[in-house]
Amino acid sequence: MGQVVEKIFRDELDQFERNVDRILNSFLPQQQRFRPVNWHPPTDVFETDQAVVVKVEIGGMKPEDFEIHYVGHVLTVRGDRRDSDENKRGVHLLEIAYGEFQIEIHLPGTHVETQIDAKYDNGFLYVRLPKPKEQTYTAVRINVK
């Protein structure tokens, strides 16, 4: 529940920042316009039977543009999305976030750290954190002496 509320709050805050940017940028000449330094792309975290999956919606990047770390149950995804449209003469709407971004996700439980993998596909980054295989227990009778 807490993560859902945090995501809603973060999404609302991101939308507010984009609106403030749009308003402020409408008063500035093109050369002086700015974007937020840090922003958070939309992110989903879900579980399958075998893994925890982090899915980040972040189009316009290449696999080498990401920096991903997992330390002490915290997954950190960093990157820098650049706007390739340099010939803009005027701007009517600015909703796409560019620049540096960072996501930190606290993941409870244990994961097989040596098998964490990531792939970038059709504008989505997928980070898969495998769960350890379940241990099977055998019933053993213990005789008291």
C-alpha atoms as a PDB file:
ATOM      1  CA  MET A   1       0.000   0.000   0.000  1.00  0.00           C
ATOM      2  CA  GLY A   2       2.801   2.407   0.914  1.00  0.00           C
ATOM      3  CA  GLN A   3       4.544   1.922  -2.432  1.00  0.00           C
ATOM      4  CA  VAL A   4       1.307   2.619  -4.299  1.00  0.00           C
ATOM      5  CA  VAL A   5       0.782   5.891  -2.405  1.00  0.00           C
ATOM      6  CA  GLU A   6       4.437   6.810  -2.963  1.00  0.00           C
ATOM      7  CA  LYS A   7       4.110   6.157  -6.717  1.00  0.00           C
ATOM      8  CA  ILE A   8       0.926   8.243  -6.968  1.00  0.00           C
ATOM      9  CA  PHE A   9       2.587  11.084  -5.044  1.00  0.00           C
ATOM     10  CA  ARG A  10       5.727  10.857  -7.218  1.00  0.00           C
ATOM     11  CA  ASP A  11       3.639  10.876 -10.428  1.00  0.00           C
ATOM     12  CA  GLU A  12       1.673  13.911  -9.234  1.00  0.00           C
ATOM     13  CA  LEU A  13       4.886  15.696  -8.243  1.00  0.00           C
ATOM     14  CA  ASP A  14       6.454  14.931 -11.653  1.00  0.00           C
ATOM     15  CA  GLN A  15       3.356  16.300 -13.417  1.00  0.00           C
ATOM     16  CA  PHE A  16       3.472  19.426 -11.228  1.00  0.00           C
ATOM     17  CA  GLU A  17       7.166  19.946 -12.069  1.00  0.00           C
ATOM     18  CA  ARG A  18       6.452  19.569 -15.800  1.00  0.00           C
ATOM     19  CA  ASN A  19       3.656  22.145 -15.554  1.00  0.00           C
ATOM     20  CA  VAL A  20       5.908  24.601 -13.697  1.00  0.00           C
ATOM     21  CA  ASP A  21       8.628  24.050 -16.329  1.00  0.00           C
ATOM     22  CA  ARG A  22       6.120  24.657 -19.119  1.00  0.00           C
ATOM     23  CA  ILE A  23       4.913  27.899 -17.540  1.00  0.00           C
ATOM     24  CA  LEU A  24       8.390  29.216 -16.746  1.00  0.00           C
ATOM     25  CA  ASN A  25       9.777  28.200 -20.136  1.00  0.00           C
ATOM     26  CA  SER A  26       6.978  30.058 -21.915  1.00  0.00           C
ATOM     27  CA  PHE A  27       8.499  33.314 -20.595  1.00  0.00           C
ATOM     28  CA  LEU A  28      12.128  32.519 -21.481  1.00  0.00           C
ATOM     29  CA  PRO A  29      13.917  32.749 -24.827  1.00  0.00           C
ATOM     30  CA  GLN A  30      14.695  29.341 -26.387  1.00  0.00           C
ATOM     31  CA  GLN A  31      18.383  29.453 -25.324  1.00  0.00           C
ATOM     32  CA  GLN A  32      17.525  29.921 -21.643  1.00  0.00           C
ATOM     33  CA  ARG A  33      14.864  27.231 -21.294  1.00  0.00           C
ATOM     34  CA  PHE A  34      15.469  24.477 -18.816  1.00  0.00           C
ATOM     35  CA  ARG A  35      14.333  21.015 -17.824  1.00  0.00           C
ATOM     36  CA  PRO A  36      14.400  19.399 -14.392  1.00  0.00           C
ATOM     37  CA  VAL A  37      17.802  17.961 -13.469  1.00  0.00           C
ATOM     38  CA  ASN A  38      16.432  14.788 -11.910  1.00  0.00           C
ATOM     39  CA  TRP A  39      13.196  13.088 -12.816  1.00  0.00           C
ATOM     40  CA  HIS A  40      11.672   9.640 -12.402  1.00  0.00           C
ATOM     41  CA  PRO A  41      10.412   7.628 -15.358  1.00  0.00           C
ATOM     42  CA  PRO A  42       7.260   5.535 -14.735  1.00  0.00           C
ATOM     43  CA  THR A  43       8.242   2.282 -13.040  1.00  0.00           C
ATOM     44  CA  ASP A  44       6.445  -0.960 -12.191  1.00  0.00           C
ATOM     45  CA  VAL A  45       7.692  -3.622  -9.781  1.00  0.00           C
ATOM     46  CA  PHE A  46       6.053  -7.034  -9.804  1.00  0.00           C
ATOM     47  CA  GLU A  47       6.762 -10.642  -8.911  1.00  0.00           C
ATOM     48  CA  THR A  48       6.599 -13.856 -10.856  1.00  0.00           C
ATOM     49  CA  ASP A  49       7.154 -17.329  -9.431  1.00  0.00           C
ATOM     50  CA  GLN A  50      10.834 -17.109 -10.349  1.00  0.00           C
ATOM     51  CA  ALA A  51      11.787 -13.443  -9.961  1.00  0.00           C
ATOM     52  CA  VAL A  52      11.055  -9.863  -8.999  1.00  0.00           C
ATOM     53  CA  VAL A  53      10.837  -7.722 -12.145  1.00  0.00           C
ATOM     54  CA  VAL A  54      11.394  -3.972 -12.344  1.00  0.00           C
ATOM     55  CA  LYS A  55       9.949  -2.447 -15.533  1.00  0.00           C
ATOM     56  CA  VAL A  56      10.867   1.134 -16.445  1.00  0.00           C
ATOM     57  CA  GLU A  57       9.174   3.046 -19.267  1.00  0.00           C
ATOM     58  CA  ILE A  58      12.027   5.017 -20.816  1.00  0.00           C
ATOM     59  CA  GLY A  59      11.963   5.384 -24.594  1.00  0.00           C
ATOM     60  CA  GLY A  60      14.671   6.981 -26.685  1.00  0.00           C
ATOM     61  CA  MET A  61      17.651   5.334 -25.015  1.00  0.00           C
ATOM     62  CA  LYS A  62      20.218   2.638 -25.825  1.00  0.00           C
ATOM     63  CA  PRO A  63      21.262  -0.218 -23.508  1.00  0.00           C
ATOM     64  CA  GLU A  64      24.637   1.425 -22.881  1.00  0.00           C
ATOM     65  CA  ASP A  65      22.899   4.600 -21.616  1.00  0.00           C
ATOM     66  CA  PHE A  66      21.880   2.906 -18.351  1.00  0.00           C
ATOM     67  CA  GLU A  67      23.846   2.428 -15.140  1.00  0.00           C
ATOM     68  CA  ILE A  68      22.312  -0.213 -12.871  1.00  0.00           C
ATOM     69  CA  HIS A  69      23.467  -1.238  -9.378  1.00  0.00           C
ATOM     70  CA  TYR A  70      22.092  -3.578  -6.728  1.00  0.00           C
ATOM     71  CA  VAL A  71      23.499  -3.100  -3.221  1.00  0.00           C
ATOM     72  CA  GLY A  72      21.919  -4.076   0.101  1.00  0.00           C
ATOM     73  CA  HIS A  73      18.400  -4.741  -1.244  1.00  0.00           C
ATOM     74  CA  VAL A  74      18.382  -1.430  -3.150  1.00  0.00           C
ATOM     75  CA  LEU A  75      18.204  -1.400  -6.949  1.00  0.00           C
ATOM     76  CA  THR A  76      19.415   1.863  -8.484  1.00  0.00           C
ATOM     77  CA  VAL A  77      18.835   2.738 -12.138  1.00  0.00           C
ATOM     78  CA  ARG A  78      20.505   5.873 -13.501  1.00  0.00           C
ATOM     79  CA  GLY A  79      20.675   7.382 -16.943  1.00  0.00           C
ATOM     80  CA  ASP A  80      20.658  10.514 -19.003  1.00  0.00           C
ATOM     81  CA  ARG A  81      18.075  10.877 -21.773  1.00  0.00           C
ATOM     82  CA  ARG A  82      19.042  13.560 -24.277  1.00  0.00           C
ATOM     83  CA  ASP A  83      16.701  15.406 -26.613  1.00  0.00           C
ATOM     84  CA  SER A  84      17.886  14.748 -30.166  1.00  0.00           C
ATOM     85  CA  ASP A  85      15.645  17.421 -31.699  1.00  0.00           C
ATOM     86  CA  GLU A  86      18.080  20.342 -31.725  1.00  0.00           C
ATOM     87  CA  ASN A  87      16.386  22.356 -34.492  1.00  0.00           C
ATOM     88  CA  LYS A  88      13.400  23.521 -32.467  1.00  0.00           C
ATOM     89  CA  ARG A  89      12.390  27.057 -33.376  1.00  0.00           C
ATOM     90  CA  GLY A  90       9.481  27.278 -30.952  1.00  0.00           C
ATOM     91  CA  VAL A  91       7.888  25.105 -28.360  1.00  0.00           C
ATOM     92  CA  HIS A  92       4.156  24.703 -27.839  1.00  0.00           C
ATOM     93  CA  LEU A  93       4.120  21.839 -25.335  1.00  0.00           C
ATOM     94  CA  LEU A  94       6.860  20.245 -23.181  1.00  0.00           C
ATOM     95  CA  GLU A  95       5.807  17.015 -21.488  1.00  0.00           C
ATOM     96  CA  ILE A  96       8.659  14.649 -22.318  1.00  0.00           C
ATOM     97  CA  ALA A  97      11.317  14.705 -19.617  1.00  0.00           C
ATOM     98  CA  TYR A  98      14.981  14.780 -20.612  1.00  0.00           C
ATOM     99  CA  GLY A  99      18.202  14.906 -18.686  1.00  0.00           C
ATOM    100  CA  GLU A 100      19.499  12.856 -15.801  1.00  0.00           C
ATOM    101  CA  PHE A 101      17.189  10.494 -13.972  1.00  0.00           C
ATOM    102  CA  GLN A 102      17.554   8.111 -11.068  1.00  0.00           C
ATOM    103  CA  ILE A 103      15.290   5.491  -9.544  1.00  0.00           C
ATOM    104  CA  GLU A 104      15.975   3.782  -6.198  1.00  0.00           C
ATOM    105  CA  ILE A 105      13.806   0.814  -5.315  1.00  0.00           C
ATOM    106  CA  HIS A 106      14.031  -0.982  -1.972  1.00  0.00           C
ATOM    107  CA  LEU A 107      13.352  -4.675  -2.578  1.00  0.00           C
ATOM    108  CA  PRO A 108      12.648  -6.934   0.393  1.00  0.00           C
ATOM    109  CA  GLY A 109      13.523 -10.611   0.325  1.00  0.00           C
ATOM    110  CA  THR A 110      16.528 -12.356  -1.103  1.00  0.00           C
ATOM    111  CA  HIS A 111      17.659 -12.482  -4.694  1.00  0.00           C
ATOM    112  CA  VAL A 112      20.331 -14.438  -6.544  1.00  0.00           C
ATOM    113  CA  GLU A 113      22.598 -11.450  -7.088  1.00  0.00           C
ATOM    114  CA  THR A 114      24.916 -13.221  -9.537  1.00  0.00           C
ATOM    115  CA  GLN A 115      21.974 -13.883 -11.878  1.00  0.00           C
ATOM    116  CA  ILE A 116      20.396 -10.404 -11.999  1.00  0.00           C
ATOM    117  CA  ASP A 117      19.971  -9.381 -15.618  1.00  0.00           C
ATOM    118  CA  ALA A 118      18.596  -6.441 -17.580  1.00  0.00           C
ATOM    119  CA  LYS A 119      17.288  -5.947 -21.094  1.00  0.00           C
ATOM    120  CA  TYR A 120      16.019  -2.947 -23.017  1.00  0.00           C
ATOM    121  CA  ASP A 121      13.157  -3.666 -25.402  1.00  0.00           C
ATOM    122  CA  ASN A 122      10.790  -1.298 -27.268  1.00  0.00           C
ATOM    123  CA  GLY A 123      11.275   1.604 -24.862  1.00  0.00           C
ATOM    124  CA  PHE A 124      11.083  -0.485 -21.692  1.00  0.00           C
ATOM    125  CA  LEU A 125      13.956  -1.439 -19.412  1.00  0.00           C
ATOM    126  CA  TYR A 126      13.416  -4.764 -17.627  1.00  0.00           C
ATOM    127  CA  VAL A 127      15.571  -5.694 -14.630  1.00  0.00           C
ATOM    128  CA  ARG A 128      14.988  -9.268 -13.457  1.00  0.00           C
ATOM    129  CA  LEU A 129      16.097 -10.272  -9.959  1.00  0.00           C
ATOM    130  CA  PRO A 130      15.795 -14.070  -9.639  1.00  0.00           C
ATOM    131  CA  LYS A 131      14.494 -15.522  -6.402  1.00  0.00           C
ATOM    132  CA  PRO A 132      16.488 -18.331  -4.809  1.00  0.00           C
ATOM    133  CA  LYS A 133      15.143 -21.785  -5.507  1.00  0.00           C
ATOM    134  CA  GLU A 134      12.928 -23.018  -2.730  1.00  0.00           C
ATOM    135  CA  GLN A 135      14.573 -25.458  -0.429  1.00  0.00           C
ATOM    136  CA  THR A 136      12.893 -28.794  -0.069  1.00  0.00           C
ATOM    137  CA  TYR A 137      12.856 -30.382   3.316  1.00  0.00           C
ATOM    138  CA  THR A 138      12.842 -34.072   4.090  1.00  0.00           C
ATOM    139  CA  ALA A 139      11.162 -35.331   7.222  1.00  0.00           C
ATOM    140  CA  VAL A 140      13.680 -37.064   9.439  1.00  0.00           C
ATOM    141  CA  ARG A 141      12.864 -39.012  12.561  1.00  0.00           C
ATOM    142  CA  ILE A 142      15.253 -38.278  15.375  1.00  0.00           C
ATOM    143  CA  ASN A 143      15.679 -40.910  18.059  1.00  0.00           C
ATOM    144  CA  VAL A 144      16.292 -39.780  21.610  1.00  0.00           C
ATOM    145  CA  LYS A 145      19.038 -41.717  23.447  1.00  0.00           C
END
